[in-house]
Amino acid sequence: MAQSQPKTLRPGEAMTARLFNSQAKSLQTSVGVAPGLAKRHLSKSVSIAPSEDTKAPTFPTQIIDAVIEDIKEDYLVCSRYNEFSDTTGGTILVAKQQRFRPSMYDGLTINYFDGDSITYTKDGVTPEWKREADNGTTAYTQRVIPCWYIGEIISVRAKPTSLVSDVDDGSVNINWEETETRVWAVEIP
């Protein structure tokens, strides 16, 4: 009785686990094991399982520099900036971080853990960087610091969506968000 040749497994070809395990010693495959997986020999069978030294997958985050050209309520109009050649090019729209978007806090009342209840409204004159905070007793003005300014070079990152669209016509979804550190501070008259 002639001995059968081992089956060669090719990409896209189906094979049962029983057949795979029965030919484990002589099975030849033209397909490698995918990244993050390891081939293990267990007695007379072979198993493919996650590798023990596998790290969680990482996804590249695109971060670029941009120069602020104009400041809107919820976003910034910027130009891409190349620090090596000190040149700008290509207009991009960059969403402000959520806590600085008037559309996210205008008319919102937040009850804080210490019992304070503060209602926020956007400033009627300069909503791009000011808001009013009213705790029921005192109303005070807050402003973003450091304040955005035309010509400032900022870092921005790509996002699947920032939930902001161009308010001029609403048709352009903004997929960049500012990464700079800014805070709200009470304006002292």
N, C-alpha and C. Protein backbone atom coordinates (compact mmCIF):
# COMPACT_ATOMS: atom_id res chain seq x y z
N MET A 1 0.84 -1.17 0.00
CA MET A 1 0.00 0.00 0.00
C MET A 1 0.89 1.23 0.00
N ALA A 2 0.61 2.12 -0.94
CA ALA A 2 1.43 3.32 -1.06
C ALA A 2 1.02 4.35 -0.03
N GLN A 3 2.03 5.04 0.45
CA GLN A 3 1.76 6.08 1.44
C GLN A 3 1.37 7.35 0.71
N SER A 4 0.30 8.03 1.19
CA SER A 4 -0.16 9.23 0.50
C SER A 4 0.76 10.42 0.80
N GLN A 5 0.82 11.30 -0.16
CA GLN A 5 1.62 12.52 0.00
C GLN A 5 0.87 13.51 0.90
N PRO A 6 1.60 14.30 1.67
CA PRO A 6 0.93 15.29 2.52
C PRO A 6 0.21 16.33 1.67
N LYS A 7 -0.92 16.77 2.16
CA LYS A 7 -1.70 17.78 1.45
C LYS A 7 -1.04 19.14 1.65
N THR A 8 -0.99 19.92 0.58
CA THR A 8 -0.46 21.28 0.67
C THR A 8 -1.64 22.24 0.80
N LEU A 9 -1.63 23.02 1.84
CA LEU A 9 -2.70 23.99 2.09
C LEU A 9 -2.32 25.30 1.42
N ARG A 10 -3.22 25.80 0.60
CA ARG A 10 -2.97 27.05 -0.12
C ARG A 10 -3.92 28.13 0.39
N PRO A 11 -3.57 29.42 0.20
CA PRO A 11 -4.44 30.50 0.66
C PRO A 11 -5.84 30.38 0.12
N GLY A 12 -6.82 30.54 0.97
CA GLY A 12 -8.22 30.49 0.59
C GLY A 12 -8.80 29.10 0.51
N GLU A 13 -8.00 28.08 0.72
CA GLU A 13 -8.48 26.70 0.63
C GLU A 13 -8.99 26.26 1.99
N ALA A 14 -10.15 25.63 2.00
CA ALA A 14 -10.75 25.17 3.26
C ALA A 14 -10.15 23.83 3.65
N MET A 15 -9.99 23.66 4.95
CA MET A 15 -9.47 22.38 5.44
C MET A 15 -10.08 22.16 6.81
N THR A 16 -10.53 20.97 7.07
CA THR A 16 -11.13 20.68 8.37
C THR A 16 -10.04 20.53 9.42
N ALA A 17 -10.40 20.78 10.65
CA ALA A 17 -9.45 20.63 11.76
C ALA A 17 -8.99 19.19 11.87
N ARG A 18 -9.90 18.24 11.61
CA ARG A 18 -9.55 16.82 11.72
C ARG A 18 -8.47 16.45 10.70
N LEU A 19 -8.64 16.91 9.45
CA LEU A 19 -7.65 16.63 8.42
C LEU A 19 -6.34 17.34 8.76
N PHE A 20 -6.46 18.58 9.21
CA PHE A 20 -5.26 19.35 9.58
C PHE A 20 -4.49 18.62 10.67
N ASN A 21 -5.19 18.21 11.73
CA ASN A 21 -4.52 17.54 12.85
C ASN A 21 -4.01 16.15 12.47
N SER A 22 -4.70 15.44 11.55
CA SER A 22 -4.25 14.11 11.18
C SER A 22 -2.96 14.15 10.36
N GLN A 23 -2.72 15.26 9.69
CA GLN A 23 -1.53 15.38 8.87
C GLN A 23 -0.52 16.36 9.47
N ALA A 24 -0.63 16.63 10.76
CA ALA A 24 0.17 17.66 11.41
C ALA A 24 1.67 17.46 11.23
N LYS A 25 2.12 16.21 11.29
CA LYS A 25 3.56 15.97 11.20
C LYS A 25 4.09 16.24 9.80
N SER A 26 3.30 15.93 8.80
CA SER A 26 3.81 16.05 7.44
C SER A 26 3.14 17.18 6.65
N LEU A 27 2.26 17.94 7.27
CA LEU A 27 1.54 18.99 6.56
C LEU A 27 2.49 20.10 6.13
N GLN A 28 2.42 20.44 4.88
CA GLN A 28 3.21 21.56 4.38
C GLN A 28 2.24 22.67 4.04
N THR A 29 2.58 23.86 4.35
CA THR A 29 1.70 24.99 4.05
C THR A 29 2.47 26.10 3.37
N SER A 30 1.85 26.74 2.41
CA SER A 30 2.49 27.87 1.75
C SER A 30 2.06 29.18 2.39
N VAL A 31 1.29 29.10 3.47
CA VAL A 31 0.77 30.29 4.15
C VAL A 31 1.48 30.42 5.49
N GLY A 32 2.01 31.58 5.79
CA GLY A 32 2.65 31.83 7.07
C GLY A 32 1.60 32.08 8.14
N VAL A 33 2.03 32.15 9.35
CA VAL A 33 1.14 32.44 10.46
C VAL A 33 1.03 33.96 10.57
N ALA A 34 -0.17 34.47 10.72
CA ALA A 34 -0.41 35.91 10.76
C ALA A 34 0.31 36.56 11.93
N PRO A 35 0.64 37.85 11.80
CA PRO A 35 1.29 38.55 12.91
C PRO A 35 0.43 38.47 14.17
N GLY A 36 1.07 38.26 15.30
CA GLY A 36 0.34 38.17 16.56
C GLY A 36 -0.12 36.76 16.88
N LEU A 37 0.10 35.81 15.96
CA LEU A 37 -0.28 34.42 16.19
C LEU A 37 0.97 33.56 16.24
N ALA A 38 0.87 32.47 16.94
CA ALA A 38 1.99 31.54 17.04
C ALA A 38 1.50 30.14 16.76
N LYS A 39 2.32 29.33 16.08
CA LYS A 39 1.99 27.93 15.80
C LYS A 39 2.53 27.11 16.96
N ARG A 40 1.65 26.32 17.58
CA ARG A 40 2.06 25.49 18.72
C ARG A 40 1.83 24.02 18.38
N HIS A 41 2.80 23.17 18.71
CA HIS A 41 2.67 21.73 18.52
C HIS A 41 2.28 21.10 19.84
N LEU A 42 1.11 20.51 19.86
CA LEU A 42 0.60 19.85 21.07
C LEU A 42 0.46 18.37 20.78
N SER A 43 1.28 17.55 21.35
CA SER A 43 1.37 16.11 21.10
C SER A 43 1.33 15.85 19.60
N LYS A 44 0.22 15.34 19.05
CA LYS A 44 0.17 15.03 17.63
C LYS A 44 -0.62 16.06 16.83
N SER A 45 -0.99 17.15 17.44
CA SER A 45 -1.76 18.15 16.70
C SER A 45 -1.06 19.51 16.73
N VAL A 46 -1.50 20.37 15.87
CA VAL A 46 -0.95 21.72 15.77
C VAL A 46 -2.10 22.70 16.02
N SER A 47 -1.84 23.69 16.82
CA SER A 47 -2.86 24.73 17.01
C SER A 47 -2.25 26.08 16.71
N ILE A 48 -3.07 26.98 16.23
CA ILE A 48 -2.64 28.36 16.00
C ILE A 48 -3.44 29.22 16.95
N ALA A 49 -2.73 29.95 17.80
CA ALA A 49 -3.37 30.74 18.85
C ALA A 49 -2.65 32.08 18.98
N PRO A 50 -3.26 33.02 19.70
CA PRO A 50 -2.58 34.30 19.92
C PRO A 50 -1.23 34.09 20.58
N SER A 51 -0.25 34.80 20.10
CA SER A 51 1.09 34.72 20.66
C SER A 51 1.09 35.30 22.06
N GLU A 52 1.87 34.72 22.95
CA GLU A 52 1.89 35.19 24.34
C GLU A 52 2.54 36.56 24.47
N ASP A 53 3.39 36.92 23.54
CA ASP A 53 4.05 38.21 23.63
C ASP A 53 3.36 39.27 22.75
N THR A 54 2.13 39.00 22.36
CA THR A 54 1.40 39.92 21.51
C THR A 54 0.98 41.15 22.30
N LYS A 55 1.24 42.32 21.75
CA LYS A 55 0.81 43.58 22.35
C LYS A 55 -0.49 43.99 21.68
N ALA A 56 -1.21 44.87 22.35
CA ALA A 56 -2.45 45.37 21.76
C ALA A 56 -2.11 46.10 20.47
N PRO A 57 -2.99 45.99 19.47
CA PRO A 57 -2.68 46.66 18.21
C PRO A 57 -2.66 48.17 18.39
N THR A 58 -1.78 48.82 17.68
CA THR A 58 -1.72 50.27 17.72
C THR A 58 -2.09 50.81 16.35
N PHE A 59 -2.73 51.93 16.33
CA PHE A 59 -3.13 52.55 15.10
C PHE A 59 -2.43 53.89 14.99
N PRO A 60 -1.87 54.19 13.85
CA PRO A 60 -1.13 55.44 13.72
C PRO A 60 -2.06 56.63 13.86
N THR A 61 -1.60 57.63 14.57
CA THR A 61 -2.34 58.87 14.72
C THR A 61 -1.59 59.94 13.96
N GLN A 62 -2.27 60.59 13.07
CA GLN A 62 -1.62 61.61 12.28
C GLN A 62 -1.69 62.93 13.04
N ILE A 63 -0.52 63.47 13.35
CA ILE A 63 -0.43 64.77 14.02
C ILE A 63 0.39 65.68 13.11
N ILE A 64 -0.16 66.85 12.84
CA ILE A 64 0.55 67.81 11.99
C ILE A 64 0.52 69.17 12.66
N ASP A 65 1.33 70.08 12.15
CA ASP A 65 1.31 71.46 12.61
C ASP A 65 0.47 72.28 11.65
N ALA A 66 -0.17 73.31 12.19
CA ALA A 66 -1.00 74.19 11.37
C ALA A 66 -0.87 75.62 11.90
N VAL A 67 -1.10 76.58 11.02
CA VAL A 67 -1.05 77.99 11.39
C VAL A 67 -2.48 78.51 11.36
N ILE A 68 -2.90 79.17 12.44
CA ILE A 68 -4.26 79.71 12.53
C ILE A 68 -4.40 80.91 11.59
N GLU A 69 -5.42 80.85 10.72
CA GLU A 69 -5.72 81.93 9.78
C GLU A 69 -6.96 82.72 10.21
N ASP A 70 -7.93 82.03 10.85
CA ASP A 70 -9.16 82.68 11.29
C ASP A 70 -9.74 81.87 12.45
N ILE A 71 -10.46 82.55 13.34
CA ILE A 71 -11.03 81.91 14.53
C ILE A 71 -12.55 81.99 14.45
N LYS A 72 -13.20 80.83 14.43
CA LYS A 72 -14.65 80.74 14.43
C LYS A 72 -15.11 80.24 15.80
N GLU A 73 -16.42 80.14 16.01
CA GLU A 73 -16.91 79.71 17.32
C GLU A 73 -16.45 78.31 17.69
N ASP A 74 -16.70 77.32 16.85
CA ASP A 74 -16.39 75.92 17.17
C ASP A 74 -15.13 75.39 16.49
N TYR A 75 -14.57 76.14 15.58
CA TYR A 75 -13.41 75.64 14.85
C TYR A 75 -12.47 76.76 14.44
N LEU A 76 -11.30 76.36 13.95
CA LEU A 76 -10.27 77.28 13.50
C LEU A 76 -10.01 77.03 12.01
N VAL A 77 -9.83 78.08 11.25
CA VAL A 77 -9.44 77.94 9.86
C VAL A 77 -7.92 78.04 9.86
N CYS A 78 -7.25 77.00 9.36
CA CYS A 78 -5.79 76.93 9.44
C CYS A 78 -5.18 76.58 8.09
N SER A 79 -3.87 76.73 8.01
CA SER A 79 -3.08 76.25 6.88
C SER A 79 -2.09 75.25 7.42
N ARG A 80 -1.85 74.18 6.66
CA ARG A 80 -0.82 73.21 7.05
C ARG A 80 0.51 73.94 7.13
N TYR A 81 1.33 73.55 8.10
CA TYR A 81 2.62 74.21 8.29
C TYR A 81 3.74 73.18 8.20
N ASN A 82 4.76 73.49 7.39
CA ASN A 82 5.93 72.65 7.26
C ASN A 82 7.07 73.33 7.99
N GLU A 83 7.46 72.77 9.13
CA GLU A 83 8.48 73.42 9.94
C GLU A 83 9.88 73.35 9.31
N PHE A 84 10.10 72.39 8.44
CA PHE A 84 11.42 72.26 7.81
C PHE A 84 11.68 73.36 6.79
N SER A 85 10.65 73.69 6.03
CA SER A 85 10.80 74.74 5.01
C SER A 85 10.17 76.05 5.45
N ASP A 86 9.54 76.06 6.63
CA ASP A 86 8.87 77.26 7.16
C ASP A 86 7.87 77.81 6.15
N THR A 87 7.06 76.89 5.59
CA THR A 87 6.06 77.30 4.60
C THR A 87 4.69 76.77 5.01
N THR A 88 3.67 77.40 4.47
CA THR A 88 2.30 76.95 4.71
C THR A 88 1.68 76.56 3.38
N GLY A 89 0.62 75.78 3.47
CA GLY A 89 -0.08 75.39 2.25
C GLY A 89 -1.28 74.55 2.59
N GLY A 90 -2.31 74.67 1.82
CA GLY A 90 -3.51 73.85 2.00
C GLY A 90 -4.32 74.25 3.22
N THR A 91 -5.50 74.75 3.00
CA THR A 91 -6.39 75.14 4.10
C THR A 91 -7.03 73.91 4.71
N ILE A 92 -7.03 73.84 6.04
CA ILE A 92 -7.74 72.78 6.76
C ILE A 92 -8.59 73.43 7.84
N LEU A 93 -9.70 72.80 8.16
CA LEU A 93 -10.55 73.26 9.25
C LEU A 93 -10.26 72.38 10.46
N VAL A 94 -10.05 73.03 11.61
CA VAL A 94 -9.64 72.32 12.83
C VAL A 94 -10.65 72.61 13.92
N ALA A 95 -11.27 71.56 14.45
CA ALA A 95 -12.24 71.72 15.54
C ALA A 95 -11.51 72.09 16.82
N LYS A 96 -12.11 72.98 17.59
CA LYS A 96 -11.59 73.26 18.93
C LYS A 96 -11.89 72.04 19.80
N GLN A 97 -11.17 71.88 20.89
CA GLN A 97 -11.50 70.80 21.82
C GLN A 97 -12.92 71.03 22.32
N GLN A 98 -13.62 69.95 22.66
CA GLN A 98 -15.05 70.04 22.99
C GLN A 98 -15.37 71.09 24.03
N ARG A 99 -14.59 71.21 25.07
CA ARG A 99 -14.93 72.14 26.15
C ARG A 99 -14.83 73.60 25.74
N PHE A 100 -14.28 73.88 24.55
CA PHE A 100 -14.17 75.27 24.08
C PHE A 100 -15.14 75.59 22.95
N ARG A 101 -16.04 74.67 22.64
CA ARG A 101 -17.01 74.90 21.57
C ARG A 101 -18.30 75.45 22.15
N PRO A 102 -18.68 76.68 21.79
CA PRO A 102 -19.94 77.24 22.31
C PRO A 102 -21.15 76.36 22.05
N SER A 103 -21.16 75.64 20.94
CA SER A 103 -22.32 74.78 20.64
C SER A 103 -22.47 73.66 21.67
N MET A 104 -21.38 73.31 22.37
CA MET A 104 -21.43 72.22 23.35
C MET A 104 -21.88 72.69 24.74
N TYR A 105 -21.66 73.96 25.09
CA TYR A 105 -21.99 74.40 26.45
C TYR A 105 -23.02 75.52 26.51
N ASP A 106 -23.41 76.15 25.40
CA ASP A 106 -24.33 77.28 25.46
C ASP A 106 -25.67 76.87 26.05
N GLY A 107 -26.03 77.48 27.17
CA GLY A 107 -27.28 77.18 27.86
C GLY A 107 -27.22 75.93 28.73
N LEU A 108 -26.05 75.34 28.88
CA LEU A 108 -25.87 74.11 29.65
C LEU A 108 -25.68 74.43 31.14
N THR A 109 -26.38 73.70 32.01
CA THR A 109 -26.19 73.83 33.45
C THR A 109 -25.51 72.56 33.93
N ILE A 110 -24.41 72.75 34.66
CA ILE A 110 -23.65 71.61 35.19
C ILE A 110 -23.74 71.63 36.70
N ASN A 111 -24.12 70.50 37.29
CA ASN A 111 -24.16 70.34 38.75
C ASN A 111 -22.87 69.65 39.17
N TYR A 112 -22.01 70.38 39.86
CA TYR A 112 -20.71 69.85 40.27
C TYR A 112 -20.82 69.09 41.58
N PHE A 113 -19.82 68.24 41.85
CA PHE A 113 -19.84 67.38 43.04
C PHE A 113 -19.86 68.15 44.35
N ASP A 114 -19.38 69.40 44.36
CA ASP A 114 -19.36 70.19 45.60
C ASP A 114 -20.67 70.95 45.83
N GLY A 115 -21.67 70.71 44.98
CA GLY A 115 -22.97 71.34 45.16
C GLY A 115 -23.19 72.56 44.28
N ASP A 116 -22.14 73.09 43.66
CA ASP A 116 -22.31 74.24 42.77
C ASP A 116 -23.10 73.83 41.54
N SER A 117 -23.97 74.71 41.10
CA SER A 117 -24.74 74.52 39.89
C SER A 117 -24.49 75.76 39.03
N ILE A 118 -23.79 75.60 37.92
CA ILE A 118 -23.40 76.74 37.09
C ILE A 118 -23.98 76.60 35.70
N THR A 119 -24.58 77.68 35.22
CA THR A 119 -25.14 77.73 33.88
C THR A 119 -24.19 78.53 33.00
N TYR A 120 -23.82 77.94 31.85
CA TYR A 120 -22.88 78.57 30.93
C TYR A 120 -23.62 79.06 29.69
N THR A 121 -23.29 80.26 29.24
CA THR A 121 -23.83 80.80 27.99
C THR A 121 -22.70 81.47 27.22
N LYS A 122 -22.77 81.40 25.91
CA LYS A 122 -21.70 82.01 25.12
C LYS A 122 -21.81 83.53 25.18
N ASP A 123 -20.67 84.17 25.09
CA ASP A 123 -20.60 85.64 25.11
C ASP A 123 -21.24 86.18 23.84
N GLY A 124 -22.03 87.25 23.99
CA GLY A 124 -22.73 87.82 22.86
C GLY A 124 -21.84 88.54 21.87
N VAL A 125 -20.67 88.99 22.31
CA VAL A 125 -19.79 89.78 21.44
C VAL A 125 -18.65 88.91 20.88
N THR A 126 -18.00 88.16 21.74
CA THR A 126 -16.85 87.35 21.30
C THR A 126 -17.02 85.90 21.77
N PRO A 127 -17.95 85.17 21.17
CA PRO A 127 -18.18 83.78 21.59
C PRO A 127 -17.01 82.85 21.24
N GLU A 128 -16.07 83.34 20.41
CA GLU A 128 -14.94 82.50 20.01
C GLU A 128 -14.04 82.15 21.19
N TRP A 129 -13.97 83.02 22.20
CA TRP A 129 -13.08 82.74 23.32
C TRP A 129 -13.59 83.21 24.67
N LYS A 130 -14.86 83.61 24.76
CA LYS A 130 -15.43 84.05 26.04
C LYS A 130 -16.76 83.37 26.29
N ARG A 131 -17.10 83.20 27.57
CA ARG A 131 -18.42 82.70 27.95
C ARG A 131 -18.78 83.29 29.31
N GLU A 132 -20.07 83.24 29.61
CA GLU A 132 -20.56 83.70 30.90
C GLU A 132 -20.88 82.48 31.75
N ALA A 133 -20.52 82.55 33.03
CA ALA A 133 -20.80 81.48 33.98
C ALA A 133 -21.62 82.08 35.12
N ASP A 134 -22.78 81.52 35.39
CA ASP A 134 -23.69 82.06 36.40
C ASP A 134 -24.04 80.95 37.39
N ASN A 135 -23.69 81.18 38.67
CA ASN A 135 -23.98 80.17 39.70
C ASN A 135 -25.26 80.48 40.46
N GLY A 136 -26.07 81.40 39.94
CA GLY A 136 -27.33 81.76 40.58
C GLY A 136 -27.18 82.98 41.48
N THR A 137 -25.98 83.24 41.93
CA THR A 137 -25.70 84.39 42.79
C THR A 137 -24.86 85.41 42.05
N THR A 138 -23.85 84.94 41.37
CA THR A 138 -22.91 85.81 40.67
C THR A 138 -22.73 85.32 39.24
N ALA A 139 -22.70 86.26 38.31
CA ALA A 139 -22.38 85.94 36.93
C ALA A 139 -20.98 86.49 36.65
N TYR A 140 -20.13 85.68 36.09
CA TYR A 140 -18.79 86.15 35.80
C TYR A 140 -18.38 85.67 34.41
N THR A 141 -17.41 86.36 33.86
CA THR A 141 -16.94 86.05 32.51
C THR A 141 -15.72 85.14 32.58
N GLN A 142 -15.70 84.15 31.71
CA GLN A 142 -14.54 83.27 31.59
C GLN A 142 -13.97 83.43 30.19
N ARG A 143 -12.66 83.26 30.07
CA ARG A 143 -12.02 83.30 28.77
C ARG A 143 -11.02 82.18 28.65
N VAL A 144 -10.74 81.79 27.43
CA VAL A 144 -9.79 80.72 27.17
C VAL A 144 -8.37 81.28 27.29
N ILE A 145 -7.52 80.57 28.05
CA ILE A 145 -6.10 80.94 28.09
C ILE A 145 -5.25 79.72 27.82
N PRO A 146 -4.18 79.85 27.07
CA PRO A 146 -3.88 81.03 26.26
C PRO A 146 -4.90 81.18 25.14
N CYS A 147 -5.13 82.41 24.76
CA CYS A 147 -6.11 82.73 23.74
C CYS A 147 -5.54 82.39 22.36
N TRP A 148 -6.39 81.97 21.43
CA TRP A 148 -5.94 81.71 20.07
C TRP A 148 -5.59 83.04 19.42
N TYR A 149 -4.63 83.05 18.54
CA TYR A 149 -4.33 84.26 17.78
C TYR A 149 -3.93 83.91 16.35
N ILE A 150 -4.19 84.84 15.45
CA ILE A 150 -3.87 84.64 14.04
C ILE A 150 -2.36 84.54 13.89
N GLY A 151 -1.91 83.51 13.20
CA GLY A 151 -0.48 83.29 13.00
C GLY A 151 0.12 82.30 13.99
N GLU A 152 -0.66 81.87 15.00
CA GLU A 152 -0.16 80.90 15.98
C GLU A 152 0.00 79.53 15.31
N ILE A 153 1.11 78.85 15.61
CA ILE A 153 1.34 77.50 15.10
C ILE A 153 0.87 76.53 16.18
N ILE A 154 -0.06 75.66 15.80
CA ILE A 154 -0.63 74.69 16.73
C ILE A 154 -0.46 73.28 16.19
N SER A 155 -0.54 72.30 17.09
CA SER A 155 -0.55 70.89 16.68
C SER A 155 -1.99 70.43 16.60
N VAL A 156 -2.28 69.67 15.56
CA VAL A 156 -3.63 69.14 15.38
C VAL A 156 -3.53 67.65 15.05
N ARG A 157 -4.58 66.91 15.38
CA ARG A 157 -4.57 65.47 15.10
C ARG A 157 -5.81 65.10 14.31
N ALA A 158 -5.64 64.05 13.51
CA ALA A 158 -6.76 63.55 12.71
C ALA A 158 -7.70 62.77 13.62
N LYS A 159 -9.00 62.91 13.37
CA LYS A 159 -10.04 62.19 14.10
C LYS A 159 -11.02 61.63 13.09
N PRO A 160 -11.65 60.50 13.42
CA PRO A 160 -12.68 60.00 12.51
C PRO A 160 -13.78 61.04 12.31
N THR A 161 -14.17 61.69 13.40
CA THR A 161 -15.09 62.82 13.32
C THR A 161 -14.97 63.63 14.59
N SER A 162 -15.11 64.92 14.46
CA SER A 162 -15.06 65.80 15.62
C SER A 162 -16.46 66.24 16.03
N LEU A 163 -17.47 65.82 15.25
CA LEU A 163 -18.87 66.22 15.45
C LEU A 163 -19.07 67.70 15.19
N VAL A 164 -18.15 68.31 14.45
CA VAL A 164 -18.27 69.72 14.08
C VAL A 164 -18.31 69.78 12.56
N SER A 165 -19.15 70.66 12.04
CA SER A 165 -19.14 70.88 10.59
C SER A 165 -19.00 72.37 10.34
N ASP A 166 -18.60 72.71 9.14
CA ASP A 166 -18.43 74.10 8.74
C ASP A 166 -19.79 74.79 8.87
N VAL A 167 -19.88 75.75 9.79
CA VAL A 167 -21.18 76.37 10.06
C VAL A 167 -21.64 77.31 8.96
N ASP A 168 -20.76 77.68 8.03
CA ASP A 168 -21.18 78.55 6.94
C ASP A 168 -22.21 77.87 6.06
N ASP A 169 -21.96 76.61 5.73
CA ASP A 169 -22.96 75.89 4.93
C ASP A 169 -23.26 74.50 5.49
N GLY A 170 -22.53 74.07 6.53
CA GLY A 170 -22.80 72.80 7.19
C GLY A 170 -22.47 71.56 6.39
N SER A 171 -21.85 71.72 5.23
CA SER A 171 -21.61 70.57 4.38
C SER A 171 -20.24 69.93 4.57
N VAL A 172 -19.34 70.58 5.27
CA VAL A 172 -17.98 70.06 5.43
C VAL A 172 -17.79 69.54 6.85
N ASN A 173 -17.61 68.22 6.99
CA ASN A 173 -17.31 67.65 8.31
C ASN A 173 -15.85 67.89 8.62
N ILE A 174 -15.57 68.28 9.85
CA ILE A 174 -14.21 68.61 10.25
C ILE A 174 -13.59 67.40 10.93
N ASN A 175 -12.47 66.94 10.37
CA ASN A 175 -11.82 65.73 10.88
C ASN A 175 -10.45 66.00 11.51
N TRP A 176 -10.21 67.23 11.91
CA TRP A 176 -8.99 67.58 12.64
C TRP A 176 -9.41 68.22 13.96
N GLU A 177 -8.62 68.00 15.01
CA GLU A 177 -8.91 68.62 16.30
C GLU A 177 -7.62 69.14 16.91
N GLU A 178 -7.71 70.31 17.52
CA GLU A 178 -6.55 70.91 18.16
C GLU A 178 -6.10 70.08 19.35
N THR A 179 -4.80 70.01 19.58
CA THR A 179 -4.27 69.23 20.71
C THR A 179 -3.59 70.11 21.75
N GLU A 180 -3.58 71.42 21.55
CA GLU A 180 -2.90 72.33 22.48
C GLU A 180 -3.58 72.35 23.84
N THR A 181 -2.83 72.63 24.89
CA THR A 181 -3.37 72.71 26.25
C THR A 181 -3.91 74.11 26.50
N ARG A 182 -5.20 74.19 26.75
CA ARG A 182 -5.86 75.46 27.07
C ARG A 182 -6.85 75.22 28.19
N VAL A 183 -7.20 76.27 28.94
CA VAL A 183 -8.16 76.16 30.05
C VAL A 183 -9.08 77.39 30.06
N TRP A 184 -10.21 77.23 30.74
CA TRP A 184 -11.09 78.36 31.00
C TRP A 184 -10.61 79.03 32.28
N ALA A 185 -10.55 80.35 32.29
CA ALA A 185 -10.13 81.10 33.48
C ALA A 185 -11.08 82.28 33.68
N VAL A 186 -11.29 82.66 34.93
CA VAL A 186 -12.18 83.79 35.25
C VAL A 186 -11.47 85.08 34.86
N GLU A 187 -12.20 85.91 34.12
CA GLU A 187 -11.66 87.20 33.68
C GLU A 187 -11.82 88.19 34.83
N ILE A 188 -10.71 88.81 35.21
CA ILE A 188 -10.76 89.81 36.30
C ILE A 188 -10.89 91.18 35.65
N PRO A 189 -11.97 91.91 36.02
CA PRO A 189 -12.20 93.22 35.40
C PRO A 189 -11.15 94.25 35.80
